[in-house]
Amino acid sequence: MIPRLTSKDREKLYDTCRGEREFPPCAICGLEIHPGQDWDKSHDKHLPKALGGKVDGIAHRRCNREHNNRVDTPRIAKAKRQRQKHIGAHRSASRPIPGSRASGIRRRMNGQVERW
């Protein structure tokens, strides 16, 4: 379960991101986040939280979720696939090619087919 920010933590994050401005800018689109608008904490655009990214500000909820769906989720899925292949945990979802190591059958030099 993802730990939620408390109201005090959200207020501190909002004020930190605001700096000298009246309203803090969205970390993704750059527009101001006004009171009453939904917002989330935003992680580095180029490195999602799941891959070790740090919080870089706040973003409109819609901007943050669109960026997550369009950029972060595919990047995280690819990293997981690469790691599975690297450690040898990947198995093809489709049927293996007959005669390959994964198929469990082989053809002998005399033409006879056997399971092994």
N, C-alpha and C. Protein backbone atom coordinates (compact mmCIF):
# COMPACT_ATOMS: atom_id res chain seq x y z
N MET A 1 0.83 -1.18 0.00
CA MET A 1 0.00 0.00 0.00
C MET A 1 0.88 1.25 0.00
N ILE A 2 0.51 2.23 -0.77
CA ILE A 2 1.26 3.47 -0.89
C ILE A 2 0.93 4.36 0.30
N PRO A 3 1.96 4.80 1.04
CA PRO A 3 1.67 5.69 2.17
C PRO A 3 1.21 7.05 1.67
N ARG A 4 0.13 7.53 2.23
CA ARG A 4 -0.42 8.83 1.84
C ARG A 4 0.27 9.94 2.63
N LEU A 5 0.33 11.11 2.01
CA LEU A 5 0.87 12.27 2.70
C LEU A 5 -0.17 12.81 3.66
N THR A 6 0.26 13.19 4.83
CA THR A 6 -0.66 13.81 5.77
C THR A 6 -0.94 15.24 5.31
N SER A 7 -1.95 15.85 5.87
CA SER A 7 -2.28 17.24 5.52
C SER A 7 -1.12 18.17 5.80
N LYS A 8 -0.43 17.93 6.90
CA LYS A 8 0.72 18.76 7.27
C LYS A 8 1.85 18.60 6.25
N ASP A 9 2.10 17.35 5.83
CA ASP A 9 3.14 17.09 4.83
C ASP A 9 2.78 17.70 3.48
N ARG A 10 1.49 17.61 3.10
CA ARG A 10 1.04 18.21 1.83
C ARG A 10 1.23 19.72 1.87
N GLU A 11 0.90 20.33 3.00
CA GLU A 11 1.05 21.78 3.14
C GLU A 11 2.53 22.18 3.03
N LYS A 12 3.40 21.41 3.68
CA LYS A 12 4.84 21.70 3.64
C LYS A 12 5.38 21.55 2.21
N LEU A 13 4.96 20.50 1.50
CA LEU A 13 5.38 20.29 0.11
C LEU A 13 4.90 21.42 -0.78
N TYR A 14 3.65 21.83 -0.61
CA TYR A 14 3.07 22.92 -1.40
C TYR A 14 3.87 24.21 -1.19
N ASP A 15 4.17 24.53 0.07
CA ASP A 15 4.91 25.75 0.38
C ASP A 15 6.36 25.68 -0.12
N THR A 16 6.97 24.51 -0.03
CA THR A 16 8.33 24.34 -0.53
C THR A 16 8.40 24.56 -2.04
N CYS A 17 7.44 24.01 -2.77
CA CYS A 17 7.42 24.14 -4.23
C CYS A 17 7.05 25.56 -4.66
N ARG A 18 6.31 26.25 -3.82
CA ARG A 18 5.86 27.59 -4.16
C ARG A 18 7.03 28.56 -4.20
N GLY A 19 7.93 28.46 -3.24
CA GLY A 19 9.09 29.36 -3.20
C GLY A 19 8.64 30.80 -3.00
N GLU A 20 9.09 31.70 -3.86
CA GLU A 20 8.77 33.12 -3.77
C GLU A 20 7.49 33.48 -4.51
N ARG A 21 6.94 32.56 -5.26
CA ARG A 21 5.74 32.83 -6.07
C ARG A 21 4.48 32.74 -5.22
N GLU A 22 3.40 33.26 -5.78
CA GLU A 22 2.12 33.18 -5.09
C GLU A 22 1.56 31.75 -5.16
N PHE A 23 1.70 31.11 -6.35
CA PHE A 23 1.22 29.74 -6.54
C PHE A 23 2.36 28.92 -7.13
N PRO A 24 2.49 27.64 -6.73
CA PRO A 24 3.57 26.81 -7.27
C PRO A 24 3.28 26.39 -8.71
N PRO A 25 4.34 26.21 -9.51
CA PRO A 25 4.14 25.74 -10.88
C PRO A 25 4.02 24.21 -10.93
N CYS A 26 3.29 23.72 -11.91
CA CYS A 26 3.20 22.28 -12.16
C CYS A 26 4.56 21.81 -12.69
N ALA A 27 5.09 20.73 -12.17
CA ALA A 27 6.39 20.22 -12.59
C ALA A 27 6.36 19.66 -14.00
N ILE A 28 5.18 19.39 -14.54
CA ILE A 28 5.08 18.79 -15.87
C ILE A 28 4.70 19.81 -16.93
N CYS A 29 3.60 20.55 -16.70
CA CYS A 29 3.14 21.49 -17.73
C CYS A 29 3.62 22.92 -17.49
N GLY A 30 4.04 23.24 -16.29
CA GLY A 30 4.56 24.56 -15.99
C GLY A 30 3.51 25.60 -15.60
N LEU A 31 2.24 25.28 -15.70
CA LEU A 31 1.18 26.22 -15.31
C LEU A 31 1.06 26.25 -13.79
N GLU A 32 0.49 27.33 -13.27
CA GLU A 32 0.33 27.45 -11.83
C GLU A 32 -0.75 26.50 -11.30
N ILE A 33 -0.54 26.05 -10.08
CA ILE A 33 -1.52 25.21 -9.40
C ILE A 33 -2.25 26.10 -8.39
N HIS A 34 -3.50 26.38 -8.66
CA HIS A 34 -4.29 27.27 -7.81
C HIS A 34 -5.00 26.48 -6.72
N PRO A 35 -5.36 27.15 -5.62
CA PRO A 35 -6.11 26.48 -4.56
C PRO A 35 -7.41 25.90 -5.12
N GLY A 36 -7.74 24.72 -4.69
CA GLY A 36 -8.95 24.04 -5.17
C GLY A 36 -8.67 23.05 -6.29
N GLN A 37 -7.53 23.16 -6.95
CA GLN A 37 -7.18 22.20 -8.00
C GLN A 37 -6.55 20.96 -7.36
N ASP A 38 -6.83 19.81 -7.95
CA ASP A 38 -6.24 18.57 -7.45
C ASP A 38 -4.79 18.49 -7.88
N TRP A 39 -3.91 18.07 -6.97
CA TRP A 39 -2.50 17.92 -7.31
C TRP A 39 -1.90 16.74 -6.56
N ASP A 40 -0.81 16.23 -7.09
CA ASP A 40 -0.06 15.12 -6.50
C ASP A 40 1.41 15.51 -6.46
N LYS A 41 2.18 14.79 -5.63
CA LYS A 41 3.62 15.02 -5.68
C LYS A 41 4.13 14.37 -6.97
N SER A 42 5.09 15.02 -7.57
CA SER A 42 5.61 14.58 -8.86
C SER A 42 7.06 14.15 -8.70
N HIS A 43 7.42 13.07 -9.38
CA HIS A 43 8.80 12.59 -9.36
C HIS A 43 9.50 13.03 -10.64
N ASP A 44 10.78 12.89 -10.67
CA ASP A 44 11.61 13.30 -11.80
C ASP A 44 11.00 12.81 -13.12
N LYS A 45 10.93 13.70 -14.12
CA LYS A 45 10.32 13.35 -15.40
C LYS A 45 11.05 12.21 -16.10
N HIS A 46 12.36 12.12 -15.89
CA HIS A 46 13.16 11.15 -16.62
C HIS A 46 13.45 9.88 -15.85
N LEU A 47 13.07 9.85 -14.56
CA LEU A 47 13.31 8.66 -13.76
C LEU A 47 12.16 8.46 -12.78
N PRO A 48 11.26 7.53 -13.06
CA PRO A 48 10.10 7.31 -12.19
C PRO A 48 10.52 6.83 -10.80
N LYS A 49 9.61 6.97 -9.85
CA LYS A 49 9.87 6.57 -8.47
C LYS A 49 10.25 5.09 -8.39
N ALA A 50 9.60 4.25 -9.17
CA ALA A 50 9.86 2.82 -9.13
C ALA A 50 11.30 2.48 -9.56
N LEU A 51 11.94 3.41 -10.28
CA LEU A 51 13.32 3.19 -10.71
C LEU A 51 14.30 4.06 -9.94
N GLY A 52 13.84 4.64 -8.81
CA GLY A 52 14.73 5.40 -7.95
C GLY A 52 14.63 6.91 -8.09
N GLY A 53 13.63 7.42 -8.78
CA GLY A 53 13.47 8.86 -8.96
C GLY A 53 13.08 9.56 -7.67
N LYS A 54 13.50 10.79 -7.53
CA LYS A 54 13.21 11.60 -6.34
C LYS A 54 12.08 12.57 -6.64
N VAL A 55 11.42 13.05 -5.60
CA VAL A 55 10.34 14.03 -5.74
C VAL A 55 10.95 15.33 -6.24
N ASP A 56 10.37 15.89 -7.32
CA ASP A 56 10.91 17.14 -7.85
C ASP A 56 9.89 18.28 -7.78
N GLY A 57 8.77 18.05 -7.13
CA GLY A 57 7.78 19.11 -6.99
C GLY A 57 6.38 18.54 -6.97
N ILE A 58 5.42 19.40 -7.34
CA ILE A 58 4.04 18.95 -7.41
C ILE A 58 3.53 19.18 -8.83
N ALA A 59 2.50 18.43 -9.20
CA ALA A 59 1.94 18.54 -10.54
C ALA A 59 0.42 18.40 -10.44
N HIS A 60 -0.26 18.98 -11.42
CA HIS A 60 -1.70 18.77 -11.50
C HIS A 60 -1.95 17.27 -11.54
N ARG A 61 -3.00 16.82 -10.90
CA ARG A 61 -3.30 15.39 -10.86
C ARG A 61 -3.45 14.83 -12.27
N ARG A 62 -4.12 15.58 -13.14
CA ARG A 62 -4.32 15.11 -14.51
C ARG A 62 -2.99 15.02 -15.27
N CYS A 63 -2.15 16.05 -15.15
CA CYS A 63 -0.84 16.03 -15.82
C CYS A 63 0.00 14.86 -15.32
N ASN A 64 0.01 14.66 -14.01
CA ASN A 64 0.81 13.61 -13.40
C ASN A 64 0.35 12.22 -13.86
N ARG A 65 -0.94 12.02 -13.91
CA ARG A 65 -1.45 10.70 -14.31
C ARG A 65 -1.26 10.45 -15.80
N GLU A 66 -1.43 11.47 -16.62
CA GLU A 66 -1.18 11.30 -18.06
C GLU A 66 0.28 10.98 -18.31
N HIS A 67 1.19 11.68 -17.62
CA HIS A 67 2.62 11.41 -17.77
C HIS A 67 2.94 9.99 -17.31
N ASN A 68 2.32 9.58 -16.22
CA ASN A 68 2.53 8.22 -15.72
C ASN A 68 2.08 7.19 -16.75
N ASN A 69 0.89 7.37 -17.31
CA ASN A 69 0.36 6.39 -18.26
C ASN A 69 1.12 6.37 -19.58
N ARG A 70 1.58 7.54 -20.01
CA ARG A 70 2.22 7.65 -21.31
C ARG A 70 3.71 7.33 -21.25
N VAL A 71 4.39 7.69 -20.16
CA VAL A 71 5.85 7.58 -20.11
C VAL A 71 6.33 6.57 -19.05
N ASP A 72 5.92 6.77 -17.81
CA ASP A 72 6.49 5.99 -16.71
C ASP A 72 6.12 4.52 -16.73
N THR A 73 4.85 4.21 -16.92
CA THR A 73 4.42 2.80 -16.88
C THR A 73 5.11 1.96 -17.95
N PRO A 74 5.17 2.41 -19.22
CA PRO A 74 5.92 1.62 -20.21
C PRO A 74 7.40 1.47 -19.87
N ARG A 75 8.01 2.53 -19.32
CA ARG A 75 9.43 2.48 -18.97
C ARG A 75 9.67 1.47 -17.84
N ILE A 76 8.79 1.45 -16.85
CA ILE A 76 8.93 0.51 -15.73
C ILE A 76 8.72 -0.92 -16.22
N ALA A 77 7.72 -1.13 -17.08
CA ALA A 77 7.45 -2.46 -17.61
C ALA A 77 8.64 -2.97 -18.41
N LYS A 78 9.26 -2.09 -19.20
CA LYS A 78 10.42 -2.50 -19.99
C LYS A 78 11.58 -2.88 -19.08
N ALA A 79 11.80 -2.10 -18.03
CA ALA A 79 12.88 -2.40 -17.09
C ALA A 79 12.65 -3.76 -16.42
N LYS A 80 11.40 -4.06 -16.09
CA LYS A 80 11.09 -5.36 -15.48
C LYS A 80 11.34 -6.50 -16.47
N ARG A 81 10.94 -6.30 -17.73
CA ARG A 81 11.18 -7.34 -18.75
C ARG A 81 12.67 -7.56 -18.95
N GLN A 82 13.43 -6.48 -19.02
CA GLN A 82 14.88 -6.60 -19.22
C GLN A 82 15.52 -7.34 -18.05
N ARG A 83 15.09 -7.03 -16.83
CA ARG A 83 15.66 -7.70 -15.67
C ARG A 83 15.32 -9.19 -15.68
N GLN A 84 14.08 -9.52 -16.04
CA GLN A 84 13.69 -10.93 -16.10
C GLN A 84 14.53 -11.69 -17.12
N LYS A 85 14.77 -11.09 -18.27
CA LYS A 85 15.61 -11.74 -19.27
C LYS A 85 17.04 -11.87 -18.78
N HIS A 86 17.54 -10.85 -18.09
CA HIS A 86 18.91 -10.84 -17.61
C HIS A 86 19.16 -11.94 -16.58
N ILE A 87 18.20 -12.16 -15.68
CA ILE A 87 18.40 -13.18 -14.64
C ILE A 87 17.92 -14.56 -15.08
N GLY A 88 17.37 -14.66 -16.29
CA GLY A 88 16.93 -15.95 -16.81
C GLY A 88 15.56 -16.39 -16.36
N ALA A 89 14.74 -15.46 -15.88
CA ALA A 89 13.41 -15.81 -15.38
C ALA A 89 12.35 -15.71 -16.47
N HIS A 90 12.69 -15.20 -17.63
CA HIS A 90 11.71 -15.00 -18.70
C HIS A 90 11.41 -16.31 -19.41
N ARG A 91 10.13 -16.58 -19.59
CA ARG A 91 9.70 -17.72 -20.38
C ARG A 91 8.75 -17.20 -21.44
N SER A 92 8.89 -17.67 -22.63
CA SER A 92 8.03 -17.23 -23.71
C SER A 92 6.59 -17.64 -23.43
N ALA A 93 5.66 -16.73 -23.68
CA ALA A 93 4.25 -17.01 -23.43
C ALA A 93 3.65 -17.87 -24.54
N SER A 94 4.25 -17.81 -25.71
CA SER A 94 3.71 -18.59 -26.81
C SER A 94 4.28 -20.01 -26.78
N ARG A 95 3.80 -20.86 -27.66
CA ARG A 95 4.31 -22.22 -27.72
C ARG A 95 5.75 -22.20 -28.21
N PRO A 96 6.60 -23.03 -27.65
CA PRO A 96 8.00 -23.04 -28.09
C PRO A 96 8.13 -23.65 -29.49
N ILE A 97 9.17 -23.29 -30.18
CA ILE A 97 9.43 -23.81 -31.52
C ILE A 97 9.78 -25.29 -31.39
N PRO A 98 9.15 -26.16 -32.19
CA PRO A 98 9.46 -27.59 -32.12
C PRO A 98 10.94 -27.84 -32.39
N GLY A 99 11.54 -28.63 -31.52
CA GLY A 99 12.94 -28.96 -31.67
C GLY A 99 13.87 -28.01 -30.93
N SER A 100 13.32 -26.93 -30.36
CA SER A 100 14.18 -26.02 -29.60
C SER A 100 14.41 -26.58 -28.20
N ARG A 101 15.29 -25.97 -27.45
CA ARG A 101 15.58 -26.45 -26.10
C ARG A 101 14.34 -26.41 -25.21
N ALA A 102 13.48 -25.41 -25.41
CA ALA A 102 12.30 -25.25 -24.57
C ALA A 102 11.17 -26.21 -24.92
N SER A 103 11.23 -26.84 -26.09
CA SER A 103 10.12 -27.68 -26.53
C SER A 103 10.06 -29.03 -25.82
N GLY A 104 11.20 -29.54 -25.38
CA GLY A 104 11.21 -30.84 -24.71
C GLY A 104 11.27 -32.01 -25.67
N ILE A 105 11.40 -31.77 -26.96
CA ILE A 105 11.56 -32.86 -27.92
C ILE A 105 12.82 -32.60 -28.73
N ARG A 106 13.36 -33.68 -29.28
CA ARG A 106 14.52 -33.51 -30.15
C ARG A 106 14.50 -34.58 -31.22
N ARG A 107 15.16 -34.27 -32.30
CA ARG A 107 15.27 -35.21 -33.41
C ARG A 107 16.69 -35.75 -33.43
N ARG A 108 16.79 -37.04 -33.43
CA ARG A 108 18.10 -37.70 -33.43
C ARG A 108 18.67 -37.67 -34.83
N MET A 109 19.93 -38.02 -34.96
CA MET A 109 20.60 -38.03 -36.26
C MET A 109 19.96 -39.03 -37.22
N ASN A 110 19.38 -40.11 -36.71
CA ASN A 110 18.76 -41.11 -37.56
C ASN A 110 17.33 -40.74 -37.94
N GLY A 111 16.84 -39.53 -37.50
CA GLY A 111 15.51 -39.07 -37.86
C GLY A 111 14.43 -39.40 -36.83
N GLN A 112 14.78 -40.14 -35.83
CA GLN A 112 13.83 -40.51 -34.80
C GLN A 112 13.58 -39.31 -33.87
N VAL A 113 12.28 -39.07 -33.49
CA VAL A 113 11.90 -37.96 -32.60
C VAL A 113 11.66 -38.54 -31.22
N GLU A 114 12.20 -37.86 -30.20
CA GLU A 114 12.03 -38.35 -28.83
C GLU A 114 11.86 -37.18 -27.87
N ARG A 115 11.23 -37.47 -26.75
CA ARG A 115 11.11 -36.48 -25.66
C ARG A 115 12.32 -36.63 -24.75
N TRP A 116 12.77 -35.55 -24.20
CA TRP A 116 13.89 -35.62 -23.26
C TRP A 116 13.69 -34.72 -22.11
